[in-house]
Amino acid sequence: MMSKRLLGAWGFFALCTLIAGIVALALSFVWRAPNLLLNLTLSTTDLNLGTILGVVLISTFVFSLGCIVSGNTSTLRLYLLNWVLLGNGSLILIIGTFFWIYTLHERNNYHAIFGNESDATKILIQDTLKCCGYFSATDELAIGGNICTSQGAAEALNNFCVTPITKFADETLNNIFSTIYGFMAIIIGFFLANMCVIKRRQEFQRFEKIDAKRGGTGFV
């Protein structure tokens, strides 16, 4: 009979996989809501990657339930589950690295993003962060609002948006890719627990074959 501790460990990592999927899926939807700085920091592509990751992890949990109830001696589905977990790990690594690489050139990356925003959005950002322009008072400056009322006011303020924008983006992206990489620990644990279950079921198979050769009398 399968060890309760082993099944408990397997179930724990399966549940953690479900929770990770729910977190990724929920945040990818919640962060689509209107939010000035989050909408500037995260693109639709970023959020879609979160949705994909969440769906994959939740689907893996559902698939794993079908694998574990397939019988005490069946291992084929569990082997398939390990391949699925390897795919999960690869996806996590790719998405996490995608966000990490983006943080390496934040100042230039968000210069392009800020420059593509409408003047109305730039003014809202400038008012919120109390800054004018991006790299300087003349770089991507939008005149208007309560802070950058004129070119002279922007130059007198001498506070540019590159620092507060990249500070917020850096904290957000660091939290995102750290969390995603953290999911890797769950997948590795799930993979190892699943390997132990496979090993145990292989022992059952061997004992059944020995028992069959003995005429089904079993062991004393």
N, C-alpha and C. Protein backbone atom coordinates (compact mmCIF):
# COMPACT_ATOMS: atom_id res chain seq x y z
N MET A 1 0.84 -1.20 0.00
CA MET A 1 0.00 0.00 0.00
C MET A 1 0.88 1.25 0.00
N MET A 2 0.44 2.27 -0.72
CA MET A 2 1.21 3.51 -0.82
C MET A 2 1.31 4.19 0.53
N SER A 3 2.51 4.68 0.84
CA SER A 3 2.75 5.38 2.10
C SER A 3 1.91 6.65 2.17
N LYS A 4 1.28 6.87 3.34
CA LYS A 4 0.48 8.08 3.52
C LYS A 4 1.35 9.33 3.47
N ARG A 5 2.57 9.22 3.98
CA ARG A 5 3.48 10.37 3.93
C ARG A 5 3.84 10.73 2.50
N LEU A 6 4.07 9.70 1.70
CA LEU A 6 4.41 9.94 0.29
C LEU A 6 3.24 10.57 -0.45
N LEU A 7 2.06 10.01 -0.23
CA LEU A 7 0.87 10.59 -0.86
C LEU A 7 0.61 12.00 -0.36
N GLY A 8 0.89 12.23 0.93
CA GLY A 8 0.72 13.56 1.50
C GLY A 8 1.66 14.57 0.85
N ALA A 9 2.92 14.15 0.65
CA ALA A 9 3.89 15.03 0.00
C ALA A 9 3.49 15.32 -1.45
N TRP A 10 3.06 14.26 -2.15
CA TRP A 10 2.60 14.42 -3.53
C TRP A 10 1.42 15.39 -3.58
N GLY A 11 0.45 15.18 -2.68
CA GLY A 11 -0.73 16.03 -2.65
C GLY A 11 -0.39 17.48 -2.30
N PHE A 12 0.59 17.66 -1.42
CA PHE A 12 1.00 19.01 -1.02
C PHE A 12 1.54 19.78 -2.23
N PHE A 13 2.42 19.16 -2.99
CA PHE A 13 2.99 19.85 -4.14
C PHE A 13 1.96 20.03 -5.25
N ALA A 14 1.03 19.09 -5.37
CA ALA A 14 -0.04 19.25 -6.35
C ALA A 14 -0.90 20.46 -5.99
N LEU A 15 -1.21 20.59 -4.69
CA LEU A 15 -2.02 21.72 -4.23
C LEU A 15 -1.26 23.03 -4.41
N CYS A 16 0.03 23.03 -4.14
CA CYS A 16 0.85 24.23 -4.34
C CYS A 16 0.86 24.64 -5.81
N THR A 17 0.86 23.66 -6.70
CA THR A 17 0.80 23.95 -8.14
C THR A 17 -0.51 24.63 -8.49
N LEU A 18 -1.60 24.14 -7.91
CA LEU A 18 -2.91 24.76 -8.13
C LEU A 18 -2.92 26.19 -7.63
N ILE A 19 -2.41 26.40 -6.42
CA ILE A 19 -2.39 27.74 -5.83
C ILE A 19 -1.55 28.70 -6.68
N ALA A 20 -0.39 28.21 -7.14
CA ALA A 20 0.47 29.04 -7.99
C ALA A 20 -0.26 29.44 -9.27
N GLY A 21 -0.99 28.49 -9.85
CA GLY A 21 -1.75 28.78 -11.06
C GLY A 21 -2.85 29.81 -10.81
N ILE A 22 -3.54 29.68 -9.68
CA ILE A 22 -4.60 30.63 -9.34
C ILE A 22 -4.02 32.02 -9.13
N VAL A 23 -2.89 32.10 -8.43
CA VAL A 23 -2.24 33.40 -8.19
C VAL A 23 -1.85 34.06 -9.51
N ALA A 24 -1.20 33.30 -10.39
CA ALA A 24 -0.77 33.85 -11.68
C ALA A 24 -1.96 34.30 -12.52
N LEU A 25 -3.01 33.48 -12.54
CA LEU A 25 -4.19 33.80 -13.34
C LEU A 25 -4.93 35.00 -12.76
N ALA A 26 -5.10 35.02 -11.44
CA ALA A 26 -5.84 36.12 -10.79
C ALA A 26 -5.13 37.45 -10.99
N LEU A 27 -3.81 37.48 -10.77
CA LEU A 27 -3.08 38.73 -10.91
C LEU A 27 -3.06 39.22 -12.36
N SER A 28 -3.02 38.28 -13.30
CA SER A 28 -3.01 38.69 -14.71
C SER A 28 -4.32 39.35 -15.11
N PHE A 29 -5.40 39.06 -14.39
CA PHE A 29 -6.68 39.71 -14.65
C PHE A 29 -6.84 40.98 -13.81
N VAL A 30 -6.47 40.91 -12.53
CA VAL A 30 -6.60 42.07 -11.64
C VAL A 30 -5.78 43.24 -12.16
N TRP A 31 -4.58 42.96 -12.65
CA TRP A 31 -3.68 44.02 -13.10
C TRP A 31 -4.08 44.61 -14.44
N ARG A 32 -5.14 44.10 -15.05
CA ARG A 32 -5.65 44.71 -16.29
C ARG A 32 -6.56 45.90 -15.98
N ALA A 33 -6.96 46.04 -14.71
CA ALA A 33 -7.82 47.15 -14.31
C ALA A 33 -7.07 48.47 -14.47
N PRO A 34 -7.79 49.58 -14.69
CA PRO A 34 -7.12 50.88 -14.85
C PRO A 34 -6.26 51.23 -13.63
N ASN A 35 -4.99 51.38 -13.85
CA ASN A 35 -4.03 51.77 -12.81
C ASN A 35 -2.87 52.44 -13.52
N LEU A 36 -2.69 53.71 -13.28
CA LEU A 36 -1.77 54.52 -14.07
C LEU A 36 -0.37 53.91 -14.16
N LEU A 37 0.24 53.61 -13.02
CA LEU A 37 1.62 53.13 -13.03
C LEU A 37 1.73 51.66 -13.43
N LEU A 38 0.78 50.84 -13.00
CA LEU A 38 0.81 49.43 -13.40
C LEU A 38 0.59 49.28 -14.90
N ASN A 39 -0.33 50.06 -15.43
CA ASN A 39 -0.59 50.01 -16.87
C ASN A 39 0.61 50.47 -17.68
N LEU A 40 1.40 51.40 -17.09
CA LEU A 40 2.62 51.84 -17.75
C LEU A 40 3.70 50.76 -17.67
N THR A 41 3.75 50.07 -16.52
CA THR A 41 4.80 49.08 -16.28
C THR A 41 4.58 47.79 -17.04
N LEU A 42 3.33 47.30 -17.05
CA LEU A 42 3.03 45.99 -17.63
C LEU A 42 2.26 46.13 -18.94
N SER A 43 2.75 45.48 -19.96
CA SER A 43 2.08 45.49 -21.26
C SER A 43 1.04 44.38 -21.33
N THR A 44 0.24 44.40 -22.38
CA THR A 44 -0.73 43.34 -22.59
C THR A 44 -0.03 41.99 -22.76
N THR A 45 1.13 42.01 -23.41
CA THR A 45 1.91 40.78 -23.57
C THR A 45 2.33 40.21 -22.22
N ASP A 46 2.79 41.08 -21.33
CA ASP A 46 3.18 40.64 -19.98
C ASP A 46 2.01 39.95 -19.28
N LEU A 47 0.85 40.58 -19.35
CA LEU A 47 -0.33 40.04 -18.67
C LEU A 47 -0.80 38.74 -19.33
N ASN A 48 -0.69 38.67 -20.65
CA ASN A 48 -1.06 37.43 -21.34
C ASN A 48 -0.16 36.27 -20.95
N LEU A 49 1.13 36.56 -20.74
CA LEU A 49 2.06 35.52 -20.28
C LEU A 49 1.64 34.99 -18.91
N GLY A 50 1.18 35.90 -18.04
CA GLY A 50 0.69 35.48 -16.73
C GLY A 50 -0.54 34.61 -16.84
N THR A 51 -1.43 34.97 -17.77
CA THR A 51 -2.63 34.17 -17.99
C THR A 51 -2.28 32.77 -18.49
N ILE A 52 -1.37 32.70 -19.45
CA ILE A 52 -0.94 31.41 -19.99
C ILE A 52 -0.32 30.55 -18.90
N LEU A 53 0.56 31.14 -18.09
CA LEU A 53 1.20 30.38 -17.02
C LEU A 53 0.17 29.87 -16.02
N GLY A 54 -0.79 30.71 -15.66
CA GLY A 54 -1.83 30.30 -14.71
C GLY A 54 -2.66 29.14 -15.24
N VAL A 55 -3.07 29.24 -16.50
CA VAL A 55 -3.88 28.18 -17.11
C VAL A 55 -3.09 26.87 -17.18
N VAL A 56 -1.82 26.95 -17.54
CA VAL A 56 -0.98 25.74 -17.64
C VAL A 56 -0.83 25.07 -16.29
N LEU A 57 -0.58 25.85 -15.24
CA LEU A 57 -0.39 25.27 -13.91
C LEU A 57 -1.68 24.64 -13.38
N ILE A 58 -2.80 25.32 -13.58
CA ILE A 58 -4.09 24.77 -13.13
C ILE A 58 -4.41 23.50 -13.91
N SER A 59 -4.15 23.51 -15.22
CA SER A 59 -4.39 22.32 -16.04
C SER A 59 -3.51 21.16 -15.60
N THR A 60 -2.29 21.47 -15.20
CA THR A 60 -1.38 20.43 -14.71
C THR A 60 -1.92 19.79 -13.45
N PHE A 61 -2.48 20.60 -12.56
CA PHE A 61 -3.07 20.05 -11.34
C PHE A 61 -4.23 19.11 -11.67
N VAL A 62 -5.11 19.54 -12.57
CA VAL A 62 -6.26 18.71 -12.95
C VAL A 62 -5.77 17.40 -13.57
N PHE A 63 -4.78 17.48 -14.45
CA PHE A 63 -4.23 16.29 -15.09
C PHE A 63 -3.61 15.35 -14.06
N SER A 64 -2.94 15.93 -13.06
CA SER A 64 -2.27 15.11 -12.05
C SER A 64 -3.26 14.28 -11.24
N LEU A 65 -4.47 14.81 -11.04
CA LEU A 65 -5.48 14.05 -10.29
C LEU A 65 -5.85 12.77 -11.04
N GLY A 66 -5.96 12.88 -12.36
CA GLY A 66 -6.27 11.70 -13.16
C GLY A 66 -5.13 10.69 -13.14
N CYS A 67 -3.91 11.19 -12.96
CA CYS A 67 -2.74 10.30 -12.93
C CYS A 67 -2.66 9.53 -11.62
N ILE A 68 -2.92 10.19 -10.51
CA ILE A 68 -2.72 9.56 -9.20
C ILE A 68 -3.80 8.54 -8.89
N VAL A 69 -4.98 8.66 -9.51
CA VAL A 69 -6.08 7.72 -9.23
C VAL A 69 -6.13 6.61 -10.27
N SER A 70 -5.07 6.46 -11.06
CA SER A 70 -5.09 5.49 -12.16
C SER A 70 -4.79 4.06 -11.71
N GLY A 71 -4.63 3.83 -10.40
CA GLY A 71 -4.38 2.48 -9.90
C GLY A 71 -3.03 2.38 -9.22
N ASN A 72 -2.92 1.45 -8.28
CA ASN A 72 -1.70 1.33 -7.49
C ASN A 72 -0.50 0.85 -8.29
N THR A 73 -0.73 0.23 -9.45
CA THR A 73 0.40 -0.30 -10.22
C THR A 73 0.61 0.41 -11.55
N SER A 74 -0.27 1.33 -11.90
CA SER A 74 -0.15 2.03 -13.17
C SER A 74 0.85 3.17 -13.06
N THR A 75 1.79 3.22 -14.01
CA THR A 75 2.82 4.27 -13.97
C THR A 75 2.86 5.11 -15.24
N LEU A 76 2.17 4.69 -16.30
CA LEU A 76 2.25 5.39 -17.58
C LEU A 76 1.83 6.86 -17.45
N ARG A 77 0.68 7.09 -16.81
CA ARG A 77 0.20 8.46 -16.66
C ARG A 77 1.14 9.29 -15.78
N LEU A 78 1.73 8.64 -14.79
CA LEU A 78 2.66 9.36 -13.92
C LEU A 78 3.92 9.76 -14.69
N TYR A 79 4.36 8.89 -15.61
CA TYR A 79 5.48 9.26 -16.47
C TYR A 79 5.11 10.45 -17.36
N LEU A 80 3.88 10.43 -17.87
CA LEU A 80 3.41 11.55 -18.68
C LEU A 80 3.36 12.83 -17.85
N LEU A 81 2.95 12.68 -16.59
CA LEU A 81 2.90 13.85 -15.70
C LEU A 81 4.29 14.45 -15.52
N ASN A 82 5.31 13.60 -15.41
CA ASN A 82 6.67 14.12 -15.27
C ASN A 82 7.09 14.93 -16.49
N TRP A 83 6.70 14.47 -17.67
CA TRP A 83 7.00 15.24 -18.88
C TRP A 83 6.25 16.57 -18.87
N VAL A 84 5.02 16.54 -18.39
CA VAL A 84 4.24 17.78 -18.27
C VAL A 84 4.92 18.74 -17.29
N LEU A 85 5.41 18.20 -16.17
CA LEU A 85 6.10 19.03 -15.18
C LEU A 85 7.39 19.62 -15.74
N LEU A 86 8.09 18.85 -16.56
CA LEU A 86 9.29 19.38 -17.22
C LEU A 86 8.92 20.54 -18.15
N GLY A 87 7.78 20.39 -18.83
CA GLY A 87 7.30 21.48 -19.68
C GLY A 87 6.93 22.70 -18.86
N ASN A 88 6.30 22.47 -17.70
CA ASN A 88 5.97 23.57 -16.79
C ASN A 88 7.23 24.31 -16.35
N GLY A 89 8.25 23.52 -15.98
CA GLY A 89 9.50 24.13 -15.54
C GLY A 89 10.14 24.97 -16.63
N SER A 90 10.10 24.48 -17.85
CA SER A 90 10.67 25.23 -18.98
C SER A 90 9.90 26.53 -19.20
N LEU A 91 8.57 26.46 -19.12
CA LEU A 91 7.74 27.65 -19.30
C LEU A 91 8.02 28.68 -18.21
N ILE A 92 8.12 28.22 -16.97
CA ILE A 92 8.42 29.11 -15.85
C ILE A 92 9.77 29.79 -16.06
N LEU A 93 10.76 29.02 -16.48
CA LEU A 93 12.09 29.58 -16.71
C LEU A 93 12.08 30.62 -17.82
N ILE A 94 11.35 30.35 -18.89
CA ILE A 94 11.28 31.27 -20.03
C ILE A 94 10.59 32.57 -19.63
N ILE A 95 9.43 32.46 -18.96
CA ILE A 95 8.68 33.66 -18.59
C ILE A 95 9.42 34.47 -17.54
N GLY A 96 9.97 33.79 -16.53
CA GLY A 96 10.72 34.49 -15.50
C GLY A 96 11.92 35.23 -16.07
N THR A 97 12.63 34.58 -16.99
CA THR A 97 13.79 35.20 -17.62
C THR A 97 13.39 36.36 -18.52
N PHE A 98 12.23 36.25 -19.15
CA PHE A 98 11.71 37.34 -19.98
C PHE A 98 11.56 38.61 -19.16
N PHE A 99 10.97 38.50 -17.97
CA PHE A 99 10.80 39.66 -17.10
C PHE A 99 12.15 40.14 -16.56
N TRP A 100 13.02 39.21 -16.21
CA TRP A 100 14.33 39.58 -15.67
C TRP A 100 15.16 40.37 -16.68
N ILE A 101 15.18 39.89 -17.92
CA ILE A 101 15.95 40.57 -18.96
C ILE A 101 15.44 41.99 -19.17
N TYR A 102 14.12 42.17 -19.06
CA TYR A 102 13.54 43.50 -19.27
C TYR A 102 14.04 44.49 -18.22
N THR A 103 14.34 43.99 -17.02
CA THR A 103 14.82 44.89 -15.95
C THR A 103 16.24 45.37 -16.20
N LEU A 104 16.98 44.74 -17.10
CA LEU A 104 18.38 45.10 -17.32
C LEU A 104 18.53 46.42 -18.07
N HIS A 105 17.48 46.84 -18.78
CA HIS A 105 17.55 48.09 -19.56
C HIS A 105 16.29 48.92 -19.30
N GLU A 106 15.91 49.03 -18.04
CA GLU A 106 14.65 49.69 -17.70
C GLU A 106 14.61 51.15 -18.14
N ARG A 107 15.68 51.89 -17.91
CA ARG A 107 15.66 53.33 -18.22
C ARG A 107 15.35 53.57 -19.70
N ASN A 108 15.99 52.83 -20.57
CA ASN A 108 15.73 52.99 -22.00
C ASN A 108 14.41 52.37 -22.43
N ASN A 109 14.07 51.23 -21.84
CA ASN A 109 12.81 50.56 -22.19
C ASN A 109 11.61 51.45 -21.87
N TYR A 110 11.62 52.04 -20.68
CA TYR A 110 10.46 52.86 -20.28
C TYR A 110 10.51 54.25 -20.88
N HIS A 111 11.67 54.65 -21.40
CA HIS A 111 11.73 55.89 -22.17
C HIS A 111 10.87 55.75 -23.43
N ALA A 112 11.00 54.59 -24.08
CA ALA A 112 10.21 54.33 -25.28
C ALA A 112 8.72 54.23 -24.94
N ILE A 113 8.42 53.56 -23.84
CA ILE A 113 7.01 53.40 -23.44
C ILE A 113 6.40 54.74 -23.07
N PHE A 114 7.13 55.53 -22.27
CA PHE A 114 6.64 56.85 -21.86
C PHE A 114 6.44 57.74 -23.09
N GLY A 115 7.37 57.65 -24.04
CA GLY A 115 7.27 58.47 -25.24
C GLY A 115 6.08 58.12 -26.11
N ASN A 116 5.61 56.88 -26.04
CA ASN A 116 4.47 56.45 -26.85
C ASN A 116 3.12 56.79 -26.22
N GLU A 117 3.14 57.24 -24.97
CA GLU A 117 1.88 57.60 -24.31
C GLU A 117 1.36 58.93 -24.85
N SER A 118 0.06 59.13 -24.73
CA SER A 118 -0.54 60.39 -25.15
C SER A 118 -0.13 61.50 -24.18
N ASP A 119 -0.25 62.75 -24.62
CA ASP A 119 0.09 63.87 -23.74
C ASP A 119 -0.78 63.87 -22.48
N ALA A 120 -2.04 63.47 -22.63
CA ALA A 120 -2.94 63.43 -21.47
C ALA A 120 -2.43 62.44 -20.42
N THR A 121 -1.97 61.27 -20.88
CA THR A 121 -1.44 60.27 -19.95
C THR A 121 -0.13 60.74 -19.34
N LYS A 122 0.73 61.37 -20.16
CA LYS A 122 1.99 61.90 -19.64
C LYS A 122 1.75 62.93 -18.53
N ILE A 123 0.76 63.78 -18.74
CA ILE A 123 0.44 64.80 -17.74
C ILE A 123 -0.03 64.15 -16.44
N LEU A 124 -0.85 63.11 -16.55
CA LEU A 124 -1.30 62.39 -15.35
C LEU A 124 -0.11 61.77 -14.61
N ILE A 125 0.81 61.19 -15.36
CA ILE A 125 2.00 60.58 -14.75
C ILE A 125 2.86 61.65 -14.08
N GLN A 126 3.05 62.77 -14.77
CA GLN A 126 3.86 63.86 -14.23
C GLN A 126 3.24 64.43 -12.96
N ASP A 127 1.92 64.59 -12.95
CA ASP A 127 1.23 65.09 -11.75
C ASP A 127 1.33 64.09 -10.61
N THR A 128 1.19 62.80 -10.93
CA THR A 128 1.23 61.76 -9.89
C THR A 128 2.62 61.64 -9.27
N LEU A 129 3.64 61.67 -10.10
CA LEU A 129 5.02 61.48 -9.63
C LEU A 129 5.73 62.79 -9.34
N LYS A 130 5.05 63.92 -9.65
CA LYS A 130 5.63 65.25 -9.42
C LYS A 130 6.98 65.40 -10.13
N CYS A 131 6.95 65.12 -11.42
CA CYS A 131 8.15 65.20 -12.25
C CYS A 131 7.78 65.79 -13.60
N CYS A 132 8.79 66.22 -14.34
CA CYS A 132 8.54 66.79 -15.66
C CYS A 132 9.54 66.22 -16.67
N GLY A 133 9.04 65.72 -17.80
CA GLY A 133 9.92 65.12 -18.79
C GLY A 133 10.42 63.77 -18.34
N TYR A 134 11.23 63.14 -19.18
CA TYR A 134 11.76 61.82 -18.82
C TYR A 134 13.21 61.92 -18.38
N PHE A 135 14.14 62.05 -19.32
CA PHE A 135 15.54 62.20 -18.94
C PHE A 135 15.88 63.65 -18.58
N SER A 136 15.09 64.58 -19.10
CA SER A 136 15.33 66.00 -18.82
C SER A 136 14.01 66.75 -18.95
N ALA A 137 14.05 68.04 -18.65
CA ALA A 137 12.83 68.86 -18.71
C ALA A 137 12.37 69.10 -20.14
N THR A 138 13.19 68.74 -21.11
CA THR A 138 12.80 68.90 -22.51
C THR A 138 12.55 67.56 -23.21
N ASP A 139 12.81 66.47 -22.50
CA ASP A 139 12.69 65.13 -23.09
C ASP A 139 11.30 64.56 -22.82
N GLU A 140 10.51 64.41 -23.87
CA GLU A 140 9.15 63.85 -23.78
C GLU A 140 8.28 64.62 -22.78
N LEU A 141 8.49 65.92 -22.69
CA LEU A 141 7.71 66.74 -21.76
C LEU A 141 6.32 67.01 -22.33
N ALA A 142 5.31 66.93 -21.47
CA ALA A 142 3.94 67.30 -21.83
C ALA A 142 3.54 68.47 -20.93
N ILE A 143 3.29 69.62 -21.54
CA ILE A 143 2.93 70.81 -20.78
C ILE A 143 1.46 70.73 -20.38
N GLY A 144 1.17 70.97 -19.10
CA GLY A 144 -0.20 70.95 -18.62
C GLY A 144 -0.29 70.35 -17.23
N GLY A 145 -1.49 70.26 -16.71
CA GLY A 145 -1.68 69.70 -15.38
C GLY A 145 -1.31 70.67 -14.28
N ASN A 146 -1.00 70.13 -13.11
CA ASN A 146 -0.71 70.97 -11.94
C ASN A 146 0.77 71.16 -11.67
N ILE A 147 1.62 70.34 -12.27
CA ILE A 147 3.06 70.39 -11.98
C ILE A 147 3.84 71.04 -13.11
N CYS A 148 3.68 70.53 -14.30
CA CYS A 148 4.46 71.02 -15.45
C CYS A 148 3.60 72.00 -16.26
N THR A 149 3.34 73.15 -15.67
CA THR A 149 2.42 74.11 -16.28
C THR A 149 3.06 74.87 -17.44
N SER A 150 4.39 74.86 -17.49
CA SER A 150 5.10 75.55 -18.57
C SER A 150 6.51 74.97 -18.68
N GLN A 151 7.21 75.35 -19.74
CA GLN A 151 8.59 74.90 -19.89
C GLN A 151 9.45 75.42 -18.75
N GLY A 152 9.20 76.65 -18.36
CA GLY A 152 9.96 77.24 -17.26
C GLY A 152 9.72 76.51 -15.95
N ALA A 153 8.46 76.14 -15.69
CA ALA A 153 8.13 75.42 -14.45
C ALA A 153 8.79 74.05 -14.44
N ALA A 154 8.85 73.41 -15.60
CA ALA A 154 9.48 72.10 -15.70
C ALA A 154 10.97 72.18 -15.41
N GLU A 155 11.62 73.21 -15.96
CA GLU A 155 13.05 73.38 -15.73
C GLU A 155 13.35 73.77 -14.29
N ALA A 156 12.46 74.58 -13.70
CA ALA A 156 12.66 75.00 -12.31
C ALA A 156 12.48 73.84 -11.35
N LEU A 157 11.57 72.92 -11.67
CA LEU A 157 11.33 71.76 -10.80
C LEU A 157 12.56 70.87 -10.74
N ASN A 158 13.21 70.69 -11.88
CA ASN A 158 14.44 69.89 -11.96
C ASN A 158 14.28 68.49 -11.37
N ASN A 159 13.12 67.89 -11.61
CA ASN A 159 12.86 66.51 -11.17
C ASN A 159 12.27 65.76 -12.36
N PHE A 160 13.00 64.79 -12.86
CA PHE A 160 12.62 64.12 -14.09
C PHE A 160 12.00 62.76 -13.79
N CYS A 161 11.16 62.28 -14.70
CA CYS A 161 10.32 61.11 -14.43
C CYS A 161 11.05 59.78 -14.52
N VAL A 162 12.25 59.76 -15.07
CA VAL A 162 12.95 58.50 -15.25
C VAL A 162 13.16 57.77 -13.92
N THR A 163 13.51 58.50 -12.87
CA THR A 163 13.80 57.85 -11.59
C THR A 163 12.56 57.25 -10.93
N PRO A 164 11.47 58.01 -10.73
CA PRO A 164 10.30 57.40 -10.09
C PRO A 164 9.63 56.31 -10.93
N ILE A 165 9.66 56.47 -12.26
CA ILE A 165 9.05 55.46 -13.12
C ILE A 165 9.82 54.15 -13.03
N THR A 166 11.14 54.23 -13.18
CA THR A 166 11.95 53.00 -13.15
C THR A 166 12.01 52.40 -11.75
N LYS A 167 11.89 53.23 -10.71
CA LYS A 167 11.86 52.69 -9.35
C LYS A 167 10.62 51.82 -9.15
N PHE A 168 9.46 52.34 -9.57
CA PHE A 168 8.22 51.56 -9.44
C PHE A 168 8.28 50.32 -10.32
N ALA A 169 8.74 50.49 -11.56
CA ALA A 169 8.81 49.36 -12.49
C ALA A 169 9.78 48.30 -11.98
N ASP A 170 10.91 48.73 -11.44
CA ASP A 170 11.91 47.78 -10.95
C ASP A 170 11.36 46.94 -9.80
N GLU A 171 10.69 47.59 -8.86
CA GLU A 171 10.11 46.86 -7.73
C GLU A 171 9.04 45.88 -8.21
N THR A 172 8.21 46.34 -9.13
CA THR A 172 7.13 45.49 -9.64
C THR A 172 7.68 44.29 -10.41
N LEU A 173 8.59 44.54 -11.33
CA LEU A 173 9.14 43.45 -12.15
C LEU A 173 9.99 42.50 -11.33
N ASN A 174 10.74 43.03 -10.36
CA ASN A 174 11.53 42.14 -9.49
C ASN A 174 10.63 41.20 -8.70
N ASN A 175 9.52 41.74 -8.18
CA ASN A 175 8.57 40.89 -7.45
C ASN A 175 7.96 39.84 -8.36
N ILE A 176 7.68 40.22 -9.60
CA ILE A 176 7.06 39.29 -10.54
C ILE A 176 8.01 38.15 -10.89
N PHE A 177 9.22 38.48 -11.33
CA PHE A 177 10.09 37.37 -11.77
C PHE A 177 10.61 36.56 -10.59
N SER A 178 10.70 37.16 -9.39
CA SER A 178 11.09 36.39 -8.21
C SER A 178 10.00 35.38 -7.84
N THR A 179 8.75 35.83 -7.94
CA THR A 179 7.62 34.93 -7.66
C THR A 179 7.55 33.80 -8.69
N ILE A 180 7.73 34.15 -9.96
CA ILE A 180 7.68 33.14 -11.01
C ILE A 180 8.80 32.12 -10.83
N TYR A 181 10.01 32.59 -10.55
CA TYR A 181 11.11 31.66 -10.29
C TYR A 181 10.82 30.81 -9.05
N GLY A 182 10.09 31.39 -8.08
CA GLY A 182 9.70 30.63 -6.89
C GLY A 182 8.80 29.46 -7.23
N PHE A 183 8.00 29.62 -8.29
CA PHE A 183 7.14 28.51 -8.73
C PHE A 183 7.98 27.30 -9.14
N MET A 184 9.22 27.55 -9.56
CA MET A 184 10.09 26.46 -9.99
C MET A 184 10.35 25.48 -8.85
N ALA A 185 10.46 26.00 -7.62
CA ALA A 185 10.68 25.13 -6.46
C ALA A 185 9.50 24.18 -6.28
N ILE A 186 8.29 24.68 -6.54
CA ILE A 186 7.10 23.83 -6.44
C ILE A 186 7.15 22.72 -7.48
N ILE A 187 7.47 23.09 -8.71
CA ILE A 187 7.51 22.11 -9.79
C ILE A 187 8.59 21.07 -9.55
N ILE A 188 9.75 21.49 -9.06
CA ILE A 188 10.83 20.54 -8.76
C ILE A 188 10.40 19.58 -7.66
N GLY A 189 9.77 20.12 -6.61
CA GLY A 189 9.28 19.27 -5.52
C GLY A 189 8.23 18.29 -6.00
N PHE A 190 7.32 18.77 -6.86
CA PHE A 190 6.27 17.92 -7.42
C PHE A 190 6.89 16.81 -8.27
N PHE A 191 7.88 17.17 -9.08
CA PHE A 191 8.56 16.19 -9.93
C PHE A 191 9.20 15.09 -9.09
N LEU A 192 9.91 15.48 -8.03
CA LEU A 192 10.59 14.50 -7.18
C LEU A 192 9.59 13.61 -6.44
N ALA A 193 8.50 14.22 -5.94
CA ALA A 193 7.47 13.43 -5.26
C ALA A 193 6.82 12.45 -6.22
N ASN A 194 6.61 12.89 -7.45
CA ASN A 194 6.01 12.02 -8.46
C ASN A 194 6.95 10.87 -8.82
N MET A 195 8.25 11.13 -8.86
CA MET A 195 9.23 10.07 -9.12
C MET A 195 9.19 9.02 -8.01
N CYS A 196 9.01 9.47 -6.77
CA CYS A 196 8.93 8.53 -5.65
C CYS A 196 7.68 7.66 -5.76
N VAL A 197 6.57 8.26 -6.18
CA VAL A 197 5.34 7.50 -6.37
C VAL A 197 5.53 6.47 -7.48
N ILE A 198 6.17 6.87 -8.57
CA ILE A 198 6.45 5.93 -9.66
C ILE A 198 7.29 4.76 -9.16
N LYS A 199 8.33 5.07 -8.40
CA LYS A 199 9.20 4.02 -7.85
C LYS A 199 8.42 3.05 -6.98
N ARG A 200 7.53 3.59 -6.16
CA ARG A 200 6.73 2.75 -5.27
C ARG A 200 5.78 1.85 -6.07
N ARG A 201 5.19 2.41 -7.12
CA ARG A 201 4.27 1.61 -7.94
C ARG A 201 5.02 0.54 -8.72
N GLN A 202 6.24 0.83 -9.11
CA GLN A 202 7.05 -0.19 -9.77
C GLN A 202 7.33 -1.36 -8.84
N GLU A 203 7.51 -1.06 -7.56
CA GLU A 203 7.70 -2.13 -6.57
C GLU A 203 6.45 -2.98 -6.47
N PHE A 204 5.28 -2.33 -6.50
CA PHE A 204 4.01 -3.08 -6.48
C PHE A 204 3.93 -4.01 -7.69
N GLN A 205 4.31 -3.48 -8.86
CA GLN A 205 4.27 -4.29 -10.08
C GLN A 205 5.18 -5.52 -9.95
N ARG A 206 6.37 -5.32 -9.42
CA ARG A 206 7.32 -6.42 -9.26
C ARG A 206 6.78 -7.47 -8.30
N PHE A 207 6.21 -7.02 -7.19
CA PHE A 207 5.66 -7.96 -6.21
C PHE A 207 4.47 -8.72 -6.79
N GLU A 208 3.66 -8.05 -7.62
CA GLU A 208 2.52 -8.73 -8.23
C GLU A 208 2.98 -9.84 -9.18
N LYS A 209 4.05 -9.55 -9.94
CA LYS A 209 4.58 -10.57 -10.85
C LYS A 209 5.14 -11.76 -10.08
N ILE A 210 5.86 -11.47 -8.99
CA ILE A 210 6.39 -12.55 -8.15
C ILE A 210 5.26 -13.36 -7.54
N ASP A 211 4.23 -12.65 -7.09
CA ASP A 211 3.08 -13.30 -6.48
C ASP A 211 2.36 -14.19 -7.49
N ALA A 212 2.28 -13.70 -8.75
CA ALA A 212 1.61 -14.48 -9.79
C ALA A 212 2.38 -15.77 -10.08
N LYS A 213 3.71 -15.68 -10.06
CA LYS A 213 4.53 -16.87 -10.29
C LYS A 213 4.40 -17.87 -9.16
N ARG A 214 4.13 -17.39 -7.96
CA ARG A 214 3.97 -18.27 -6.80
C ARG A 214 2.56 -18.83 -6.70
N GLY A 215 1.74 -18.49 -7.69
CA GLY A 215 0.38 -19.02 -7.69
C GLY A 215 -0.59 -18.18 -6.90
N GLY A 216 -0.21 -16.89 -6.65
CA GLY A 216 -1.11 -15.99 -5.96
C GLY A 216 -1.20 -16.23 -4.48
N THR A 217 -0.20 -16.95 -3.92
CA THR A 217 -0.26 -17.23 -2.48
C THR A 217 0.26 -16.08 -1.64
N GLY A 218 0.99 -15.14 -2.28
CA GLY A 218 1.50 -13.99 -1.55
C GLY A 218 2.71 -14.35 -0.73
N PHE A 219 3.16 -13.40 0.09
CA PHE A 219 4.33 -13.60 0.94
C PHE A 219 3.91 -13.81 2.38
N VAL A 220 4.68 -14.66 3.06
CA VAL A 220 4.40 -14.92 4.47
C VAL A 220 4.98 -13.80 5.30
